[in-house]
């Protein structure tokens, strides 16, 4: 998704915020991966074009801490997105929608 956003112009800040969050979440996943469990590939029939990374299980003893750190990354990214759009009403709605999508991910983390 990040690669689809322009690297320059009005959406550059969104691209940067999402790329940073993606890198931080990938690092968190690598650090806490349970290598004894298989990685799962999630498929969405309605969106066969989007490439998705395999989902890795987290070591049972690190689940709470890993989820807390992941939620913090998502919250920080939401804050960055909302602040980046301040003062530009044309872009603000789009940034708010991106932030809402991140918030829907937080629900998934909390339910695990």
PDB file of N, CA and C in Angstrom:
ATOM      1  N   UNK A   1       0.821  -1.187   0.000  1.00  0.00           N
ATOM      2  CA  UNK A   1       0.000   0.000   0.000  1.00  0.00           C
ATOM      3  C   UNK A   1       0.868   1.254   0.000  1.00  0.00           C
ATOM      4  N   UNK A   2       1.931   1.242   0.774  1.00  0.00           N
ATOM      5  CA  UNK A   2       2.780   2.426   0.882  1.00  0.00           C
ATOM      6  C   UNK A   2       3.349   2.818  -0.479  1.00  0.00           C
ATOM      7  N   UNK A   3       3.736   1.838  -1.272  1.00  0.00           N
ATOM      8  CA  UNK A   3       4.337   2.126  -2.568  1.00  0.00           C
ATOM      9  C   UNK A   3       3.363   2.810  -3.523  1.00  0.00           C
ATOM     10  N   UNK A   4       2.079   2.670  -3.283  1.00  0.00           N
ATOM     11  CA  UNK A   4       1.077   3.289  -4.155  1.00  0.00           C
ATOM     12  C   UNK A   4       0.914   4.786  -3.879  1.00  0.00           C
ATOM     13  N   UNK A   5       1.378   5.246  -2.723  1.00  0.00           N
ATOM     14  CA  UNK A   5       1.274   6.664  -2.392  1.00  0.00           C
ATOM     15  C   UNK A   5       2.437   7.422  -3.024  1.00  0.00           C
ATOM     16  N   UNK A   6       2.198   8.652  -3.477  1.00  0.00           N
ATOM     17  CA  UNK A   6       3.283   9.438  -4.067  1.00  0.00           C
ATOM     18  C   UNK A   6       4.366   9.756  -3.033  1.00  0.00           C
ATOM     19  N   UNK A   7       5.613   9.727  -3.474  1.00  0.00           N
ATOM     20  CA  UNK A   7       6.737  10.024  -2.582  1.00  0.00           C
ATOM     21  C   UNK A   7       6.900  11.530  -2.365  1.00  0.00           C
ATOM     22  N   UNK A   8       6.267  12.330  -3.208  1.00  0.00           N
ATOM     23  CA  UNK A   8       6.368  13.788  -3.109  1.00  0.00           C
ATOM     24  C   UNK A   8       4.965  14.381  -3.138  1.00  0.00           C
ATOM     25  N   UNK A   9       4.866  15.586  -2.609  1.00  0.00           N
ATOM     26  CA  UNK A   9       3.581  16.277  -2.662  1.00  0.00           C
ATOM     27  C   UNK A   9       2.751  16.057  -1.406  1.00  0.00           C
ATOM     28  N   UNK A  10       1.442  16.172  -1.576  1.00  0.00           N
ATOM     29  CA  UNK A  10       0.513  16.173  -0.446  1.00  0.00           C
ATOM     30  C   UNK A  10       0.504  14.879   0.356  1.00  0.00           C
ATOM     31  N   UNK A  11       0.812  13.767  -0.274  1.00  0.00           N
ATOM     32  CA  UNK A  11       0.717  12.481   0.416  1.00  0.00           C
ATOM     33  C   UNK A  11       2.069  11.920   0.843  1.00  0.00           C
ATOM     34  N   UNK A  12       3.121  12.695   0.686  1.00  0.00           N
ATOM     35  CA  UNK A  12       4.457  12.237   1.071  1.00  0.00           C
ATOM     36  C   UNK A  12       4.536  11.955   2.572  1.00  0.00           C
ATOM     37  N   UNK A  13       3.898  12.790   3.375  1.00  0.00           N
ATOM     38  CA  UNK A  13       3.938  12.585   4.826  1.00  0.00           C
ATOM     39  C   UNK A  13       3.214  11.300   5.217  1.00  0.00           C
ATOM     40  N   UNK A  14       2.114  11.009   4.540  1.00  0.00           N
ATOM     41  CA  UNK A  14       1.389   9.762   4.819  1.00  0.00           C
ATOM     42  C   UNK A  14       2.241   8.567   4.427  1.00  0.00           C
ATOM     43  N   UNK A  15       2.878   8.655   3.279  1.00  0.00           N
ATOM     44  CA  UNK A  15       3.746   7.563   2.827  1.00  0.00           C
ATOM     45  C   UNK A  15       4.866   7.321   3.835  1.00  0.00           C
ATOM     46  N   UNK A  16       5.500   8.398   4.285  1.00  0.00           N
ATOM     47  CA  UNK A  16       6.598   8.270   5.240  1.00  0.00           C
ATOM     48  C   UNK A  16       6.117   7.680   6.569  1.00  0.00           C
ATOM     49  N   UNK A  17       4.986   8.158   7.065  1.00  0.00           N
ATOM     50  CA  UNK A  17       4.452   7.655   8.337  1.00  0.00           C
ATOM     51  C   UNK A  17       4.114   6.173   8.242  1.00  0.00           C
ATOM     52  N   UNK A  18       3.490   5.769   7.148  1.00  0.00           N
ATOM     53  CA  UNK A  18       3.114   4.361   6.976  1.00  0.00           C
ATOM     54  C   UNK A  18       4.337   3.478   6.756  1.00  0.00           C
ATOM     55  N   UNK A  19       5.332   3.975   6.036  1.00  0.00           N
ATOM     56  CA  UNK A  19       6.559   3.202   5.822  1.00  0.00           C
ATOM     57  C   UNK A  19       7.297   3.000   7.138  1.00  0.00           C
ATOM     58  N   UNK A  20       7.340   4.038   7.961  1.00  0.00           N
ATOM     59  CA  UNK A  20       7.988   3.930   9.271  1.00  0.00           C
ATOM     60  C   UNK A  20       7.257   2.924  10.145  1.00  0.00           C
ATOM     61  N   UNK A  21       5.939   3.016  10.184  1.00  0.00           N
ATOM     62  CA  UNK A  21       5.148   2.075  10.989  1.00  0.00           C
ATOM     63  C   UNK A  21       5.341   0.647  10.496  1.00  0.00           C
ATOM     64  N   UNK A  22       5.346   0.460   9.193  1.00  0.00           N
ATOM     65  CA  UNK A  22       5.534  -0.871   8.625  1.00  0.00           C
ATOM     66  C   UNK A  22       6.878  -1.458   9.035  1.00  0.00           C
ATOM     67  N   UNK A  23       7.922  -0.651   8.955  1.00  0.00           N
ATOM     68  CA  UNK A  23       9.260  -1.119   9.336  1.00  0.00           C
ATOM     69  C   UNK A  23       9.323  -1.451  10.824  1.00  0.00           C
ATOM     70  N   UNK A  24       8.711  -0.608  11.653  1.00  0.00           N
ATOM     71  CA  UNK A  24       8.718  -0.852  13.099  1.00  0.00           C
ATOM     72  C   UNK A  24       7.935  -2.115  13.450  1.00  0.00           C
ATOM     73  N   UNK A  25       6.788  -2.316  12.810  1.00  0.00           N
ATOM     74  CA  UNK A  25       5.988  -3.517  13.072  1.00  0.00           C
ATOM     75  C   UNK A  25       6.697  -4.775  12.575  1.00  0.00           C
ATOM     76  N   UNK A  26       7.363  -4.687  11.434  1.00  0.00           N
ATOM     77  CA  UNK A  26       8.111  -5.841  10.915  1.00  0.00           C
ATOM     78  C   UNK A  26       9.249  -6.203  11.856  1.00  0.00           C
ATOM     79  N   UNK A  27       9.937  -5.206  12.367  1.00  0.00           N
ATOM     80  CA  UNK A  27      11.024  -5.445  13.317  1.00  0.00           C
ATOM     81  C   UNK A  27      10.492  -6.072  14.604  1.00  0.00           C
ATOM     82  N   UNK A  28       9.386  -5.553  15.095  1.00  0.00           N
ATOM     83  CA  UNK A  28       8.760  -6.096  16.304  1.00  0.00           C
ATOM     84  C   UNK A  28       8.371  -7.553  16.094  1.00  0.00           C
ATOM     85  N   UNK A  29       7.827  -7.849  14.940  1.00  0.00           N
ATOM     86  CA  UNK A  29       7.438  -9.219  14.617  1.00  0.00           C
ATOM     87  C   UNK A  29       8.654 -10.143  14.570  1.00  0.00           C
ATOM     88  N   UNK A  30       9.717  -9.691  13.910  1.00  0.00           N
ATOM     89  CA  UNK A  30      10.934 -10.515  13.824  1.00  0.00           C
ATOM     90  C   UNK A  30      11.519 -10.792  15.206  1.00  0.00           C
ATOM     91  N   UNK A  31      11.519  -9.778  16.059  1.00  0.00           N
ATOM     92  CA  UNK A  31      12.105  -9.911  17.392  1.00  0.00           C
ATOM     93  C   UNK A  31      11.327 -10.879  18.274  1.00  0.00           C
ATOM     94  N   UNK A  32      10.037 -11.023  18.036  1.00  0.00           N
ATOM     95  CA  UNK A  32       9.183 -11.818  18.924  1.00  0.00           C
ATOM     96  C   UNK A  32       8.566 -13.033  18.247  1.00  0.00           C
ATOM     97  N   UNK A  33       9.035 -13.371  17.072  1.00  0.00           N
ATOM     98  CA  UNK A  33       8.491 -14.485  16.291  1.00  0.00           C
ATOM     99  C   UNK A  33       8.689 -15.812  17.021  1.00  0.00           C
ATOM    100  N   UNK A  34       7.640 -16.621  16.982  1.00  0.00           N
ATOM    101  CA  UNK A  34       7.708 -17.987  17.516  1.00  0.00           C
ATOM    102  C   UNK A  34       8.030 -18.904  16.342  1.00  0.00           C
ATOM    103  N   UNK A  35       9.306 -19.253  16.217  1.00  0.00           N
ATOM    104  CA  UNK A  35       9.747 -20.055  15.073  1.00  0.00           C
ATOM    105  C   UNK A  35       9.264 -21.496  15.122  1.00  0.00           C
ATOM    106  N   UNK A  36       8.691 -21.910  16.249  1.00  0.00           N
ATOM    107  CA  UNK A  36       8.163 -23.276  16.330  1.00  0.00           C
ATOM    108  C   UNK A  36       6.785 -23.389  15.670  1.00  0.00           C
ATOM    109  N   UNK A  37       6.184 -22.253  15.335  1.00  0.00           N
ATOM    110  CA  UNK A  37       4.864 -22.230  14.704  1.00  0.00           C
ATOM    111  C   UNK A  37       4.996 -21.862  13.225  1.00  0.00           C
ATOM    112  N   UNK A  38       4.155 -22.438  12.379  1.00  0.00           N
ATOM    113  CA  UNK A  38       4.228 -22.095  10.951  1.00  0.00           C
ATOM    114  C   UNK A  38       3.719 -20.673  10.701  1.00  0.00           C
ATOM    115  N   UNK A  39       4.257 -20.051   9.668  1.00  0.00           N
ATOM    116  CA  UNK A  39       3.774 -18.738   9.251  1.00  0.00           C
ATOM    117  C   UNK A  39       2.544 -18.956   8.374  1.00  0.00           C
ATOM    118  N   UNK A  40       1.550 -18.104   8.535  1.00  0.00           N
ATOM    119  CA  UNK A  40       0.299 -18.224   7.783  1.00  0.00           C
ATOM    120  C   UNK A  40       0.227 -17.149   6.708  1.00  0.00           C
ATOM    121  N   UNK A  41      -0.331 -17.502   5.590  1.00  0.00           N
ATOM    122  CA  UNK A  41      -0.556 -16.522   4.527  1.00  0.00           C
ATOM    123  C   UNK A  41      -2.053 -16.230   4.473  1.00  0.00           C
ATOM    124  N   UNK A  42      -2.387 -14.981   4.688  1.00  0.00           N
ATOM    125  CA  UNK A  42      -3.774 -14.538   4.678  1.00  0.00           C
ATOM    126  C   UNK A  42      -4.141 -14.153   3.244  1.00  0.00           C
ATOM    127  N   UNK A  43      -5.271 -14.639   2.782  1.00  0.00           N
ATOM    128  CA  UNK A  43      -5.733 -14.270   1.446  1.00  0.00           C
ATOM    129  C   UNK A  43      -7.102 -13.607   1.547  1.00  0.00           C
ATOM    130  N   UNK A  44      -7.304 -12.663   0.675  1.00  0.00           N
ATOM    131  CA  UNK A  44      -8.583 -11.964   0.587  1.00  0.00           C
ATOM    132  C   UNK A  44      -9.052 -12.122  -0.851  1.00  0.00           C
ATOM    133  N   UNK A  45     -10.140 -12.843  -1.028  1.00  0.00           N
ATOM    134  CA  UNK A  45     -10.603 -13.139  -2.382  1.00  0.00           C
ATOM    135  C   UNK A  45     -10.936 -11.887  -3.181  1.00  0.00           C
ATOM    136  N   UNK A  46     -11.437 -10.875  -2.525  1.00  0.00           N
ATOM    137  CA  UNK A  46     -11.843  -9.659  -3.229  1.00  0.00           C
ATOM    138  C   UNK A  46     -10.645  -8.815  -3.676  1.00  0.00           C
ATOM    139  N   UNK A  47      -9.454  -9.136  -3.167  1.00  0.00           N
ATOM    140  CA  UNK A  47      -8.276  -8.328  -3.477  1.00  0.00           C
ATOM    141  C   UNK A  47      -7.089  -9.241  -3.753  1.00  0.00           C
ATOM    142  N   UNK A  48      -7.085  -9.855  -4.895  1.00  0.00           N
ATOM    143  CA  UNK A  48      -6.027 -10.809  -5.218  1.00  0.00           C
ATOM    144  C   UNK A  48      -4.742 -10.132  -5.683  1.00  0.00           C
ATOM    145  N   UNK A  49      -4.784  -8.835  -5.963  1.00  0.00           N
ATOM    146  CA  UNK A  49      -3.607  -8.136  -6.468  1.00  0.00           C
ATOM    147  C   UNK A  49      -2.651  -7.701  -5.365  1.00  0.00           C
ATOM    148  N   UNK A  50      -3.153  -7.445  -4.177  1.00  0.00           N
ATOM    149  CA  UNK A  50      -2.317  -6.957  -3.099  1.00  0.00           C
ATOM    150  C   UNK A  50      -1.455  -8.084  -2.552  1.00  0.00           C
ATOM    151  N   UNK A  51      -0.160  -7.810  -2.454  1.00  0.00           N
ATOM    152  CA  UNK A  51       0.754  -8.793  -1.880  1.00  0.00           C
ATOM    153  C   UNK A  51       0.737  -8.625  -0.366  1.00  0.00           C
ATOM    154  N   UNK A  52       0.646  -9.731   0.320  1.00  0.00           N
ATOM    155  CA  UNK A  52       0.612  -9.703   1.778  1.00  0.00           C
ATOM    156  C   UNK A  52       1.752 -10.538   2.334  1.00  0.00           C
ATOM    157  N   UNK A  53       2.337 -10.033   3.402  1.00  0.00           N
ATOM    158  CA  UNK A  53       3.385 -10.781   4.080  1.00  0.00           C
ATOM    159  C   UNK A  53       2.755 -11.917   4.867  1.00  0.00           C
ATOM    160  N   UNK A  54       3.496 -13.008   5.032  1.00  0.00           N
ATOM    161  CA  UNK A  54       2.977 -14.069   5.897  1.00  0.00           C
ATOM    162  C   UNK A  54       2.841 -13.547   7.331  1.00  0.00           C
ATOM    163  N   UNK A  55       1.884 -14.080   8.052  1.00  0.00           N
ATOM    164  CA  UNK A  55       1.650 -13.697   9.440  1.00  0.00           C
ATOM    165  C   UNK A  55       2.387 -14.688  10.328  1.00  0.00           C
ATOM    166  N   UNK A  56       3.185 -14.160  11.237  1.00  0.00           N
ATOM    167  CA  UNK A  56       3.972 -15.006  12.129  1.00  0.00           C
ATOM    168  C   UNK A  56       3.350 -15.044  13.511  1.00  0.00           C
ATOM    169  N   UNK A  57       3.424 -16.206  14.125  1.00  0.00           N
ATOM    170  CA  UNK A  57       2.988 -16.333  15.518  1.00  0.00           C
ATOM    171  C   UNK A  57       4.028 -15.659  16.413  1.00  0.00           C
ATOM    172  N   UNK A  58       3.568 -15.158  17.538  1.00  0.00           N
ATOM    173  CA  UNK A  58       4.443 -14.523  18.517  1.00  0.00           C
ATOM    174  C   UNK A  58       4.653 -15.498  19.667  1.00  0.00           C
ATOM    175  N   UNK A  59       5.863 -15.467  20.236  1.00  0.00           N
ATOM    176  CA  UNK A  59       6.146 -16.329  21.386  1.00  0.00           C
ATOM    177  C   UNK A  59       5.098 -16.061  22.470  1.00  0.00           C
ATOM    178  N   UNK A  60       4.522 -17.122  23.041  1.00  0.00           N
ATOM    179  CA  UNK A  60       3.453 -16.938  24.034  1.00  0.00           C
ATOM    180  C   UNK A  60       3.836 -16.003  25.179  1.00  0.00           C
ATOM    181  N   UNK A  61       5.084 -16.063  25.601  1.00  0.00           N
ATOM    182  CA  UNK A  61       5.501 -15.244  26.744  1.00  0.00           C
ATOM    183  C   UNK A  61       5.665 -13.761  26.389  1.00  0.00           C
ATOM    184  N   UNK A  62       5.616 -13.422  25.103  1.00  0.00           N
ATOM    185  CA  UNK A  62       5.776 -12.018  24.702  1.00  0.00           C
ATOM    186  C   UNK A  62       4.510 -11.415  24.095  1.00  0.00           C
ATOM    187  N   UNK A  63       3.412 -12.157  24.102  1.00  0.00           N
ATOM    188  CA  UNK A  63       2.189 -11.689  23.434  1.00  0.00           C
ATOM    189  C   UNK A  63       1.715 -10.342  23.979  1.00  0.00           C
ATOM    190  N   UNK A  64       1.575 -10.214  25.282  1.00  0.00           N
ATOM    191  CA  UNK A  64       1.045  -8.972  25.860  1.00  0.00           C
ATOM    192  C   UNK A  64       1.956  -7.788  25.552  1.00  0.00           C
ATOM    193  N   UNK A  65       3.247  -7.971  25.743  1.00  0.00           N
ATOM    194  CA  UNK A  65       4.194  -6.887  25.495  1.00  0.00           C
ATOM    195  C   UNK A  65       4.253  -6.525  24.005  1.00  0.00           C
ATOM    196  N   UNK A  66       4.241  -7.543  23.151  1.00  0.00           N
ATOM    197  CA  UNK A  66       4.285  -7.302  21.709  1.00  0.00           C
ATOM    198  C   UNK A  66       3.036  -6.559  21.247  1.00  0.00           C
ATOM    199  N   UNK A  67       1.869  -6.974  21.728  1.00  0.00           N
ATOM    200  CA  UNK A  67       0.630  -6.275  21.365  1.00  0.00           C
ATOM    201  C   UNK A  67       0.651  -4.829  21.851  1.00  0.00           C
ATOM    202  N   UNK A  68       1.156  -4.610  23.065  1.00  0.00           N
ATOM    203  CA  UNK A  68       1.223  -3.250  23.599  1.00  0.00           C
ATOM    204  C   UNK A  68       2.132  -2.377  22.734  1.00  0.00           C
ATOM    205  N   UNK A  69       3.273  -2.926  22.338  1.00  0.00           N
ATOM    206  CA  UNK A  69       4.192  -2.164  21.487  1.00  0.00           C
ATOM    207  C   UNK A  69       3.588  -1.916  20.106  1.00  0.00           C
ATOM    208  N   UNK A  70       2.907  -2.903  19.561  1.00  0.00           N
ATOM    209  CA  UNK A  70       2.265  -2.740  18.252  1.00  0.00           C
ATOM    210  C   UNK A  70       1.177  -1.666  18.324  1.00  0.00           C
ATOM    211  N   UNK A  71       0.387  -1.685  19.379  1.00  0.00           N
ATOM    212  CA  UNK A  71      -0.651  -0.658  19.549  1.00  0.00           C
ATOM    213  C   UNK A  71      -0.033   0.728  19.658  1.00  0.00           C
ATOM    214  N   UNK A  72       1.085   0.834  20.372  1.00  0.00           N
ATOM    215  CA  UNK A  72       1.765   2.123  20.511  1.00  0.00           C
ATOM    216  C   UNK A  72       2.257   2.627  19.154  1.00  0.00           C
ATOM    217  N   UNK A  73       2.784   1.727  18.335  1.00  0.00           N
ATOM    218  CA  UNK A  73       3.233   2.103  16.992  1.00  0.00           C
ATOM    219  C   UNK A  73       2.050   2.628  16.180  1.00  0.00           C
ATOM    220  N   UNK A  74       0.924   1.935  16.234  1.00  0.00           N
ATOM    221  CA  UNK A  74      -0.259   2.367  15.482  1.00  0.00           C
ATOM    222  C   UNK A  74      -0.792   3.703  15.993  1.00  0.00           C
ATOM    223  N   UNK A  75      -0.794   3.885  17.309  1.00  0.00           N
ATOM    224  CA  UNK A  75      -1.275   5.150  17.877  1.00  0.00           C
ATOM    225  C   UNK A  75      -0.359   6.306  17.496  1.00  0.00           C
ATOM    226  N   UNK A  76       0.961   6.074  17.557  1.00  0.00           N
ATOM    227  CA  UNK A  76       1.908   7.120  17.158  1.00  0.00           C
ATOM    228  C   UNK A  76       1.725   7.484  15.686  1.00  0.00           C
ATOM    229  N   UNK A  77       1.523   6.482  14.863  1.00  0.00           N
ATOM    230  CA  UNK A  77       1.341   6.721  13.431  1.00  0.00           C
ATOM    231  C   UNK A  77       0.050   7.489  13.173  1.00  0.00           C
ATOM    232  N   UNK A  78      -1.007   7.140  13.884  1.00  0.00           N
ATOM    233  CA  UNK A  78      -2.273   7.868  13.758  1.00  0.00           C
ATOM    234  C   UNK A  78      -2.078   9.336  14.111  1.00  0.00           C
ATOM    235  N   UNK A  79      -1.361   9.592  15.196  1.00  0.00           N
ATOM    236  CA  UNK A  79      -1.100  10.965  15.622  1.00  0.00           C
ATOM    237  C   UNK A  79      -0.310  11.725  14.558  1.00  0.00           C
ATOM    238  N   UNK A  80       0.724  11.087  14.020  1.00  0.00           N
ATOM    239  CA  UNK A  80       1.534  11.720  12.975  1.00  0.00           C
ATOM    240  C   UNK A  80       0.671  12.050  11.760  1.00  0.00           C
ATOM    241  N   UNK A  81      -0.169  11.112  11.357  1.00  0.00           N
ATOM    242  CA  UNK A  81      -1.033  11.343  10.193  1.00  0.00           C
ATOM    243  C   UNK A  81      -1.976  12.519  10.419  1.00  0.00           C
ATOM    244  N   UNK A  82      -2.620  12.544  11.565  1.00  0.00           N
ATOM    245  CA  UNK A  82      -3.591  13.609  11.831  1.00  0.00           C
ATOM    246  C   UNK A  82      -2.913  14.968  11.935  1.00  0.00           C
ATOM    247  N   UNK A  83      -1.723  15.007  12.514  1.00  0.00           N
ATOM    248  CA  UNK A  83      -0.996  16.276  12.605  1.00  0.00           C
ATOM    249  C   UNK A  83      -0.463  16.721  11.249  1.00  0.00           C
ATOM    250  N   UNK A  84      -0.086  15.770  10.424  1.00  0.00           N
ATOM    251  CA  UNK A  84       0.461  16.102   9.104  1.00  0.00           C
ATOM    252  C   UNK A  84      -0.570  16.775   8.218  1.00  0.00           C
ATOM    253  N   UNK A  85      -1.824  16.480   8.435  1.00  0.00           N
ATOM    254  CA  UNK A  85      -2.889  17.019   7.585  1.00  0.00           C
ATOM    255  C   UNK A  85      -3.437  18.342   8.093  1.00  0.00           C
ATOM    256  N   UNK A  86      -3.000  18.784   9.262  1.00  0.00           N
ATOM    257  CA  UNK A  86      -3.511  20.040   9.808  1.00  0.00           C
ATOM    258  C   UNK A  86      -3.193  21.186   8.859  1.00  0.00           C
ATOM    259  N   UNK A  87      -4.164  22.036   8.655  1.00  0.00           N
ATOM    260  CA  UNK A  87      -3.963  23.207   7.819  1.00  0.00           C
ATOM    261  C   UNK A  87      -4.223  22.979   6.340  1.00  0.00           C
ATOM    262  N   UNK A  88      -4.509  21.758   5.962  1.00  0.00           N
ATOM    263  CA  UNK A  88      -4.799  21.474   4.552  1.00  0.00           C
ATOM    264  C   UNK A  88      -6.092  20.669   4.489  1.00  0.00           C
ATOM    265  N   UNK A  89      -7.202  21.368   4.379  1.00  0.00           N
ATOM    266  CA  UNK A  89      -8.512  20.712   4.408  1.00  0.00           C
ATOM    267  C   UNK A  89      -8.722  19.722   3.272  1.00  0.00           C
ATOM    268  N   UNK A  90      -8.086  19.977   2.132  1.00  0.00           N
ATOM    269  CA  UNK A  90      -8.254  19.079   0.988  1.00  0.00           C
ATOM    270  C   UNK A  90      -7.687  17.692   1.277  1.00  0.00           C
ATOM    271  N   UNK A  91      -6.593  17.648   1.994  1.00  0.00           N
ATOM    272  CA  UNK A  91      -5.913  16.384   2.270  1.00  0.00           C
ATOM    273  C   UNK A  91      -6.357  15.795   3.608  1.00  0.00           C
ATOM    274  N   UNK A  92      -6.847  16.634   4.501  1.00  0.00           N
ATOM    275  CA  UNK A  92      -7.171  16.193   5.859  1.00  0.00           C
ATOM    276  C   UNK A  92      -8.129  15.008   5.876  1.00  0.00           C
ATOM    277  N   UNK A  93      -9.148  15.030   5.051  1.00  0.00           N
ATOM    278  CA  UNK A  93     -10.119  13.934   5.026  1.00  0.00           C
ATOM    279  C   UNK A  93      -9.448  12.616   4.641  1.00  0.00           C
ATOM    280  N   UNK A  94      -8.558  12.659   3.684  1.00  0.00           N
ATOM    281  CA  UNK A  94      -7.859  11.446   3.253  1.00  0.00           C
ATOM    282  C   UNK A  94      -6.948  10.918   4.360  1.00  0.00           C
ATOM    283  N   UNK A  95      -6.245  11.820   5.032  1.00  0.00           N
ATOM    284  CA  UNK A  95      -5.381  11.412   6.139  1.00  0.00           C
ATOM    285  C   UNK A  95      -6.220  10.835   7.284  1.00  0.00           C
ATOM    286  N   UNK A  96      -7.385  11.426   7.527  1.00  0.00           N
ATOM    287  CA  UNK A  96      -8.274  10.903   8.571  1.00  0.00           C
ATOM    288  C   UNK A  96      -8.739   9.496   8.232  1.00  0.00           C
ATOM    289  N   UNK A  97      -9.017   9.241   6.977  1.00  0.00           N
ATOM    290  CA  UNK A  97      -9.443   7.895   6.562  1.00  0.00           C
ATOM    291  C   UNK A  97      -8.309   6.884   6.722  1.00  0.00           C
ATOM    292  N   UNK A  98      -7.106   7.296   6.417  1.00  0.00           N
ATOM    293  CA  UNK A  98      -5.954   6.406   6.622  1.00  0.00           C
ATOM    294  C   UNK A  98      -5.809   6.108   8.111  1.00  0.00           C
ATOM    295  N   UNK A  99      -5.958   7.136   8.938  1.00  0.00           N
ATOM    296  CA  UNK A  99      -5.868   6.952  10.390  1.00  0.00           C
ATOM    297  C   UNK A  99      -6.970   6.016  10.889  1.00  0.00           C
ATOM    298  N   UNK A 100      -8.173   6.127  10.340  1.00  0.00           N
ATOM    299  CA  UNK A 100      -9.265   5.226  10.724  1.00  0.00           C
ATOM    300  C   UNK A 100      -8.937   3.786  10.363  1.00  0.00           C
ATOM    301  N   UNK A 101      -8.305   3.579   9.235  1.00  0.00           N
ATOM    302  CA  UNK A 101      -7.909   2.220   8.843  1.00  0.00           C
ATOM    303  C   UNK A 101      -6.900   1.655   9.838  1.00  0.00           C
ATOM    304  N   UNK A 102      -5.982   2.487  10.295  1.00  0.00           N
ATOM    305  CA  UNK A 102      -5.033   2.031  11.318  1.00  0.00           C
ATOM    306  C   UNK A 102      -5.761   1.681  12.607  1.00  0.00           C
ATOM    307  N   UNK A 103      -6.743   2.482  12.967  1.00  0.00           N
ATOM    308  CA  UNK A 103      -7.509   2.196  14.186  1.00  0.00           C
ATOM    309  C   UNK A 103      -8.270   0.885  14.076  1.00  0.00           C
ATOM    310  N   UNK A 104      -8.705   0.508  12.887  1.00  0.00           N
ATOM    311  CA  UNK A 104      -9.383  -0.781  12.733  1.00  0.00           C
ATOM    312  C   UNK A 104      -8.400  -1.921  12.961  1.00  0.00           C
ATOM    313  N   UNK A 105      -7.127  -1.705  12.676  1.00  0.00           N
ATOM    314  CA  UNK A 105      -6.099  -2.713  12.956  1.00  0.00           C
ATOM    315  C   UNK A 105      -5.913  -2.889  14.456  1.00  0.00           C
ATOM    316  N   UNK A 106      -6.076  -1.809  15.212  1.00  0.00           N
ATOM    317  CA  UNK A 106      -5.932  -1.910  16.664  1.00  0.00           C
ATOM    318  C   UNK A 106      -6.989  -2.837  17.238  1.00  0.00           C
ATOM    319  N   UNK A 107      -8.178  -2.825  16.691  1.00  0.00           N
ATOM    320  CA  UNK A 107      -9.239  -3.722  17.158  1.00  0.00           C
ATOM    321  C   UNK A 107      -8.813  -5.169  16.954  1.00  0.00           C
ATOM    322  N   UNK A 108      -8.208  -5.470  15.814  1.00  0.00           N
ATOM    323  CA  UNK A 108      -7.738  -6.831  15.545  1.00  0.00           C
ATOM    324  C   UNK A 108      -6.679  -7.255  16.545  1.00  0.00           C
ATOM    325  N   UNK A 109      -5.760  -6.366  16.887  1.00  0.00           N
ATOM    326  CA  UNK A 109      -4.726  -6.704  17.859  1.00  0.00           C
ATOM    327  C   UNK A 109      -5.328  -6.958  19.231  1.00  0.00           C
ATOM    328  N   UNK A 110      -6.273  -6.131  19.618  1.00  0.00           N
ATOM    329  CA  UNK A 110      -6.875  -6.279  20.942  1.00  0.00           C
ATOM    330  C   UNK A 110      -7.689  -7.560  21.057  1.00  0.00           C
ATOM    331  N   UNK A 111      -8.215  -8.043  19.956  1.00  0.00           N
ATOM    332  CA  UNK A 111      -9.059  -9.235  20.016  1.00  0.00           C
ATOM    333  C   UNK A 111      -8.252 -10.524  20.005  1.00  0.00           C
ATOM    334  N   UNK A 112      -6.961 -10.412  19.781  1.00  0.00           N
ATOM    335  CA  UNK A 112      -6.148 -11.636  19.709  1.00  0.00           C
ATOM    336  C   UNK A 112      -5.757 -12.148  21.075  1.00  0.00           C
TER     337      UNK A 112
END
